[in-house]
Amino acid sequence: MLTLRDKTGWSIRRSKITMDVVLIIAGVLLGGRFGAITILTALTTGPAIQYLSQLFSQLLYGERI
């Protein structure tokens, strides 16, 4: 996820969602199952990580990423 962010210049949110969707597709192609929680997690984890990263950066270092 972070390598994708560094190489493309995308946000953490976009990189995480992209990786999750690609992995979900790979899992389904390999015969795995998924449901509503899988989709919900894939779409909310990236934004949560980006928000918390910015919050902690501000609190700890007094700066924004």
PDB file of N, CA and C in Angstrom:
ATOM      1  N   MET A   1       0.830  -1.175   0.000  1.00  0.00           N
ATOM      2  CA  MET A   1       0.000   0.000   0.000  1.00  0.00           C
ATOM      3  C   MET A   1       0.878   1.244   0.000  1.00  0.00           C
ATOM      4  N   LEU A   2       1.861   1.304   0.864  1.00  0.00           N
ATOM      5  CA  LEU A   2       2.707   2.491   0.937  1.00  0.00           C
ATOM      6  C   LEU A   2       3.611   2.613  -0.285  1.00  0.00           C
ATOM      7  N   THR A   3       4.042   1.478  -0.827  1.00  0.00           N
ATOM      8  CA  THR A   3       4.842   1.513  -2.049  1.00  0.00           C
ATOM      9  C   THR A   3       3.994   2.047  -3.198  1.00  0.00           C
ATOM     10  N   LEU A   4       2.755   1.607  -3.291  1.00  0.00           N
ATOM     11  CA  LEU A   4       1.848   2.104  -4.312  1.00  0.00           C
ATOM     12  C   LEU A   4       1.647   3.607  -4.153  1.00  0.00           C
ATOM     13  N   ARG A   5       1.492   4.057  -2.933  1.00  0.00           N
ATOM     14  CA  ARG A   5       1.337   5.488  -2.664  1.00  0.00           C
ATOM     15  C   ARG A   5       2.567   6.262  -3.102  1.00  0.00           C
ATOM     16  N   ASP A   6       3.750   5.750  -2.774  1.00  0.00           N
ATOM     17  CA  ASP A   6       4.988   6.434  -3.122  1.00  0.00           C
ATOM     18  C   ASP A   6       5.221   6.479  -4.631  1.00  0.00           C
ATOM     19  N   LYS A   7       4.917   5.383  -5.309  1.00  0.00           N
ATOM     20  CA  LYS A   7       5.168   5.296  -6.754  1.00  0.00           C
ATOM     21  C   LYS A   7       4.168   6.107  -7.576  1.00  0.00           C
ATOM     22  N   THR A   8       2.914   6.184  -7.117  1.00  0.00           N
ATOM     23  CA  THR A   8       1.874   6.850  -7.898  1.00  0.00           C
ATOM     24  C   THR A   8       1.562   8.264  -7.423  1.00  0.00           C
ATOM     25  N   GLY A   9       1.908   8.571  -6.188  1.00  0.00           N
ATOM     26  CA  GLY A   9       1.558   9.877  -5.636  1.00  0.00           C
ATOM     27  C   GLY A   9       0.128   9.943  -5.115  1.00  0.00           C
ATOM     28  N   TRP A  10      -0.542   8.774  -5.076  1.00  0.00           N
ATOM     29  CA  TRP A  10      -1.909   8.729  -4.567  1.00  0.00           C
ATOM     30  C   TRP A  10      -1.921   8.914  -3.062  1.00  0.00           C
ATOM     31  N   SER A  11      -3.099   9.217  -2.512  1.00  0.00           N
ATOM     32  CA  SER A  11      -3.272   9.307  -1.067  1.00  0.00           C
ATOM     33  C   SER A  11      -3.260   7.899  -0.470  1.00  0.00           C
ATOM     34  N   ILE A  12      -3.075   7.834   0.841  1.00  0.00           N
ATOM     35  CA  ILE A  12      -3.133   6.548   1.531  1.00  0.00           C
ATOM     36  C   ILE A  12      -4.506   5.924   1.331  1.00  0.00           C
ATOM     37  N   ARG A  13      -5.535   6.745   1.412  1.00  0.00           N
ATOM     38  CA  ARG A  13      -6.907   6.265   1.251  1.00  0.00           C
ATOM     39  C   ARG A  13      -7.091   5.562  -0.094  1.00  0.00           C
ATOM     40  N   ARG A  14      -6.693   6.214  -1.161  1.00  0.00           N
ATOM     41  CA  ARG A  14      -6.873   5.636  -2.499  1.00  0.00           C
ATOM     42  C   ARG A  14      -6.026   4.379  -2.694  1.00  0.00           C
ATOM     43  N   SER A  15      -4.800   4.412  -2.192  1.00  0.00           N
ATOM     44  CA  SER A  15      -3.919   3.247  -2.317  1.00  0.00           C
ATOM     45  C   SER A  15      -4.476   2.036  -1.585  1.00  0.00           C
ATOM     46  N   LYS A  16      -4.989   2.242  -0.367  1.00  0.00           N
ATOM     47  CA  LYS A  16      -5.524   1.136   0.435  1.00  0.00           C
ATOM     48  C   LYS A  16      -6.785   0.559  -0.201  1.00  0.00           C
ATOM     49  N   ILE A  17      -7.676   1.412  -0.666  1.00  0.00           N
ATOM     50  CA  ILE A  17      -8.900   0.934  -1.299  1.00  0.00           C
ATOM     51  C   ILE A  17      -8.557   0.145  -2.559  1.00  0.00           C
ATOM     52  N   THR A  18      -7.615   0.654  -3.355  1.00  0.00           N
ATOM     53  CA  THR A  18      -7.209  -0.049  -4.573  1.00  0.00           C
ATOM     54  C   THR A  18      -6.636  -1.420  -4.249  1.00  0.00           C
ATOM     55  N   MET A  19      -5.752  -1.494  -3.270  1.00  0.00           N
ATOM     56  CA  MET A  19      -5.160  -2.780  -2.886  1.00  0.00           C
ATOM     57  C   MET A  19      -6.233  -3.744  -2.376  1.00  0.00           C
ATOM     58  N   ASP A  20      -7.150  -3.254  -1.571  1.00  0.00           N
ATOM     59  CA  ASP A  20      -8.209  -4.116  -1.035  1.00  0.00           C
ATOM     60  C   ASP A  20      -9.096  -4.667  -2.145  1.00  0.00           C
ATOM     61  N   VAL A  21      -9.469  -3.828  -3.101  1.00  0.00           N
ATOM     62  CA  VAL A  21     -10.323  -4.280  -4.202  1.00  0.00           C
ATOM     63  C   VAL A  21      -9.592  -5.320  -5.048  1.00  0.00           C
ATOM     64  N   VAL A  22      -8.317  -5.077  -5.344  1.00  0.00           N
ATOM     65  CA  VAL A  22      -7.529  -6.050  -6.122  1.00  0.00           C
ATOM     66  C   VAL A  22      -7.441  -7.377  -5.372  1.00  0.00           C
ATOM     67  N   LEU A  23      -7.220  -7.334  -4.066  1.00  0.00           N
ATOM     68  CA  LEU A  23      -7.125  -8.563  -3.288  1.00  0.00           C
ATOM     69  C   LEU A  23      -8.471  -9.283  -3.174  1.00  0.00           C
ATOM     70  N   ILE A  24      -9.558  -8.545  -3.109  1.00  0.00           N
ATOM     71  CA  ILE A  24     -10.887  -9.167  -3.094  1.00  0.00           C
ATOM     72  C   ILE A  24     -11.127  -9.894  -4.411  1.00  0.00           C
ATOM     73  N   ILE A  25     -10.801  -9.238  -5.511  1.00  0.00           N
ATOM     74  CA  ILE A  25     -10.977  -9.867  -6.825  1.00  0.00           C
ATOM     75  C   ILE A  25     -10.119 -11.125  -6.932  1.00  0.00           C
ATOM     76  N   ALA A  26      -8.869 -11.043  -6.485  1.00  0.00           N
ATOM     77  CA  ALA A  26      -7.985 -12.215  -6.522  1.00  0.00           C
ATOM     78  C   ALA A  26      -8.554 -13.346  -5.670  1.00  0.00           C
ATOM     79  N   GLY A  27      -9.067 -13.005  -4.507  1.00  0.00           N
ATOM     80  CA  GLY A  27      -9.654 -14.023  -3.635  1.00  0.00           C
ATOM     81  C   GLY A  27     -10.860 -14.700  -4.247  1.00  0.00           C
ATOM     82  N   VAL A  28     -11.719 -13.921  -4.891  1.00  0.00           N
ATOM     83  CA  VAL A  28     -12.903 -14.490  -5.537  1.00  0.00           C
ATOM     84  C   VAL A  28     -12.476 -15.385  -6.698  1.00  0.00           C
ATOM     85  N   LEU A  29     -11.497 -14.944  -7.481  1.00  0.00           N
ATOM     86  CA  LEU A  29     -11.022 -15.758  -8.602  1.00  0.00           C
ATOM     87  C   LEU A  29     -10.403 -17.069  -8.128  1.00  0.00           C
ATOM     88  N   LEU A  30      -9.860 -17.070  -6.923  1.00  0.00           N
ATOM     89  CA  LEU A  30      -9.277 -18.284  -6.366  1.00  0.00           C
ATOM     90  C   LEU A  30     -10.309 -19.143  -5.634  1.00  0.00           C
ATOM     91  N   GLY A  31     -11.566 -18.720  -5.656  1.00  0.00           N
ATOM     92  CA  GLY A  31     -12.631 -19.534  -5.075  1.00  0.00           C
ATOM     93  C   GLY A  31     -13.069 -19.103  -3.693  1.00  0.00           C
ATOM     94  N   GLY A  32     -12.606 -17.977  -3.223  1.00  0.00           N
ATOM     95  CA  GLY A  32     -12.985 -17.502  -1.895  1.00  0.00           C
ATOM     96  C   GLY A  32     -14.364 -16.864  -1.894  1.00  0.00           C
ATOM     97  N   ARG A  33     -14.871 -16.623  -0.710  1.00  0.00           N
ATOM     98  CA  ARG A  33     -16.174 -15.992  -0.541  1.00  0.00           C
ATOM     99  C   ARG A  33     -15.991 -14.610   0.054  1.00  0.00           C
ATOM    100  N   PHE A  34     -16.938 -13.740  -0.211  1.00  0.00           N
ATOM    101  CA  PHE A  34     -16.940 -12.429   0.422  1.00  0.00           C
ATOM    102  C   PHE A  34     -18.370 -11.984   0.627  1.00  0.00           C
ATOM    103  N   GLY A  35     -18.527 -10.991   1.502  1.00  0.00           N
ATOM    104  CA  GLY A  35     -19.864 -10.500   1.802  1.00  0.00           C
ATOM    105  C   GLY A  35     -19.851  -8.999   2.018  1.00  0.00           C
ATOM    106  N   ALA A  36     -20.909  -8.525   2.625  1.00  0.00           N
ATOM    107  CA  ALA A  36     -21.077  -7.088   2.837  1.00  0.00           C
ATOM    108  C   ALA A  36     -19.994  -6.511   3.746  1.00  0.00           C
ATOM    109  N   ILE A  37     -19.590  -7.246   4.764  1.00  0.00           N
ATOM    110  CA  ILE A  37     -18.562  -6.754   5.688  1.00  0.00           C
ATOM    111  C   ILE A  37     -17.220  -6.607   4.979  1.00  0.00           C
ATOM    112  N   THR A  38     -16.922  -7.510   4.049  1.00  0.00           N
ATOM    113  CA  THR A  38     -15.686  -7.419   3.278  1.00  0.00           C
ATOM    114  C   THR A  38     -15.660  -6.124   2.472  1.00  0.00           C
ATOM    115  N   ILE A  39     -16.752  -5.823   1.808  1.00  0.00           N
ATOM    116  CA  ILE A  39     -16.850  -4.593   1.019  1.00  0.00           C
ATOM    117  C   ILE A  39     -16.773  -3.372   1.933  1.00  0.00           C
ATOM    118  N   LEU A  40     -17.487  -3.398   3.046  1.00  0.00           N
ATOM    119  CA  LEU A  40     -17.472  -2.290   3.995  1.00  0.00           C
ATOM    120  C   LEU A  40     -16.064  -2.041   4.520  1.00  0.00           C
ATOM    121  N   THR A  41     -15.369  -3.098   4.875  1.00  0.00           N
ATOM    122  CA  THR A  41     -14.004  -2.974   5.380  1.00  0.00           C
ATOM    123  C   THR A  41     -13.073  -2.421   4.304  1.00  0.00           C
ATOM    124  N   ALA A  42     -13.203  -2.908   3.089  1.00  0.00           N
ATOM    125  CA  ALA A  42     -12.350  -2.442   1.994  1.00  0.00           C
ATOM    126  C   ALA A  42     -12.542  -0.952   1.728  1.00  0.00           C
ATOM    127  N   LEU A  43     -13.754  -0.461   1.888  1.00  0.00           N
ATOM    128  CA  LEU A  43     -14.031   0.943   1.582  1.00  0.00           C
ATOM    129  C   LEU A  43     -13.802   1.903   2.743  1.00  0.00           C
ATOM    130  N   THR A  44     -13.703   1.391   3.971  1.00  0.00           N
ATOM    131  CA  THR A  44     -13.549   2.295   5.118  1.00  0.00           C
ATOM    132  C   THR A  44     -12.177   2.264   5.785  1.00  0.00           C
ATOM    133  N   THR A  45     -11.406   1.218   5.585  1.00  0.00           N
ATOM    134  CA  THR A  45     -10.110   1.123   6.249  1.00  0.00           C
ATOM    135  C   THR A  45      -9.151   2.197   5.764  1.00  0.00           C
ATOM    136  N   GLY A  46      -9.080   2.406   4.463  1.00  0.00           N
ATOM    137  CA  GLY A  46      -8.174   3.411   3.896  1.00  0.00           C
ATOM    138  C   GLY A  46      -8.445   4.815   4.420  1.00  0.00           C
ATOM    139  N   PRO A  47      -9.693   5.292   4.351  1.00  0.00           N
ATOM    140  CA  PRO A  47      -9.984   6.616   4.893  1.00  0.00           C
ATOM    141  C   PRO A  47      -9.681   6.731   6.396  1.00  0.00           C
ATOM    142  N   ALA A  48      -9.948   5.656   7.149  1.00  0.00           N
ATOM    143  CA  ALA A  48      -9.665   5.686   8.590  1.00  0.00           C
ATOM    144  C   ALA A  48      -8.168   5.799   8.851  1.00  0.00           C
ATOM    145  N   ILE A  49      -7.363   5.042   8.103  1.00  0.00           N
ATOM    146  CA  ILE A  49      -5.912   5.101   8.270  1.00  0.00           C
ATOM    147  C   ILE A  49      -5.393   6.490   7.919  1.00  0.00           C
ATOM    148  N   GLN A  50      -5.883   7.068   6.820  1.00  0.00           N
ATOM    149  CA  GLN A  50      -5.416   8.393   6.430  1.00  0.00           C
ATOM    150  C   GLN A  50      -5.799   9.436   7.470  1.00  0.00           C
ATOM    151  N   TYR A  51      -7.027   9.388   7.960  1.00  0.00           N
ATOM    152  CA  TYR A  51      -7.472  10.349   8.967  1.00  0.00           C
ATOM    153  C   TYR A  51      -6.647  10.245  10.250  1.00  0.00           C
ATOM    154  N   LEU A  52      -6.470   9.016  10.737  1.00  0.00           N
ATOM    155  CA  LEU A  52      -5.716   8.831  11.976  1.00  0.00           C
ATOM    156  C   LEU A  52      -4.241   9.187  11.808  1.00  0.00           C
ATOM    157  N   SER A  53      -3.686   8.923  10.639  1.00  0.00           N
ATOM    158  CA  SER A  53      -2.299   9.285  10.365  1.00  0.00           C
ATOM    159  C   SER A  53      -2.117  10.800  10.440  1.00  0.00           C
ATOM    160  N   GLN A  54      -3.035  11.538   9.834  1.00  0.00           N
ATOM    161  CA  GLN A  54      -2.969  12.992   9.888  1.00  0.00           C
ATOM    162  C   GLN A  54      -3.192  13.510  11.306  1.00  0.00           C
ATOM    163  N   LEU A  55      -4.132  12.928  12.021  1.00  0.00           N
ATOM    164  CA  LEU A  55      -4.417  13.349  13.390  1.00  0.00           C
ATOM    165  C   LEU A  55      -3.210  13.144  14.292  1.00  0.00           C
ATOM    166  N   PHE A  56      -2.613  11.943  14.250  1.00  0.00           N
ATOM    167  CA  PHE A  56      -1.458  11.665  15.093  1.00  0.00           C
ATOM    168  C   PHE A  56      -0.252  12.500  14.693  1.00  0.00           C
ATOM    169  N   SER A  57      -0.110  12.770  13.413  1.00  0.00           N
ATOM    170  CA  SER A  57       0.986  13.608  12.950  1.00  0.00           C
ATOM    171  C   SER A  57       0.851  15.015  13.528  1.00  0.00           C
ATOM    172  N   GLN A  58      -0.365  15.520  13.530  1.00  0.00           N
ATOM    173  CA  GLN A  58      -0.614  16.837  14.109  1.00  0.00           C
ATOM    174  C   GLN A  58      -0.358  16.841  15.614  1.00  0.00           C
ATOM    175  N   LEU A  59      -0.874  15.843  16.308  1.00  0.00           N
ATOM    176  CA  LEU A  59      -0.743  15.794  17.757  1.00  0.00           C
ATOM    177  C   LEU A  59       0.705  15.585  18.202  1.00  0.00           C
ATOM    178  N   LEU A  60       1.427  14.725  17.520  1.00  0.00           N
ATOM    179  CA  LEU A  60       2.786  14.377  17.939  1.00  0.00           C
ATOM    180  C   LEU A  60       3.839  15.350  17.423  1.00  0.00           C
ATOM    181  N   TYR A  61       3.664  15.807  16.185  1.00  0.00           N
ATOM    182  CA  TYR A  61       4.716  16.612  15.577  1.00  0.00           C
ATOM    183  C   TYR A  61       4.277  18.019  15.218  1.00  0.00           C
ATOM    184  N   GLY A  62       3.015  18.312  15.377  1.00  0.00           N
ATOM    185  CA  GLY A  62       2.508  19.640  15.074  1.00  0.00           C
ATOM    186  C   GLY A  62       2.538  19.958  13.592  1.00  0.00           C
ATOM    187  N   GLU A  63       2.428  18.937  12.737  1.00  0.00           N
ATOM    188  CA  GLU A  63       2.464  19.148  11.300  1.00  0.00           C
ATOM    189  C   GLU A  63       1.423  18.301  10.598  1.00  0.00           C
ATOM    190  N   ARG A  64       1.153  18.647   9.356  1.00  0.00           N
ATOM    191  CA  ARG A  64       0.256  17.875   8.505  1.00  0.00           C
ATOM    192  C   ARG A  64       1.059  17.169   7.448  1.00  0.00           C
ATOM    193  N   ILE A  65       0.613  15.964   7.113  1.00  0.00           N
ATOM    194  CA  ILE A  65       1.286  15.210   6.052  1.00  0.00           C
ATOM    195  C   ILE A  65       0.707  15.622   4.735  1.00  0.00           C
TER     196      ILE A  65
END
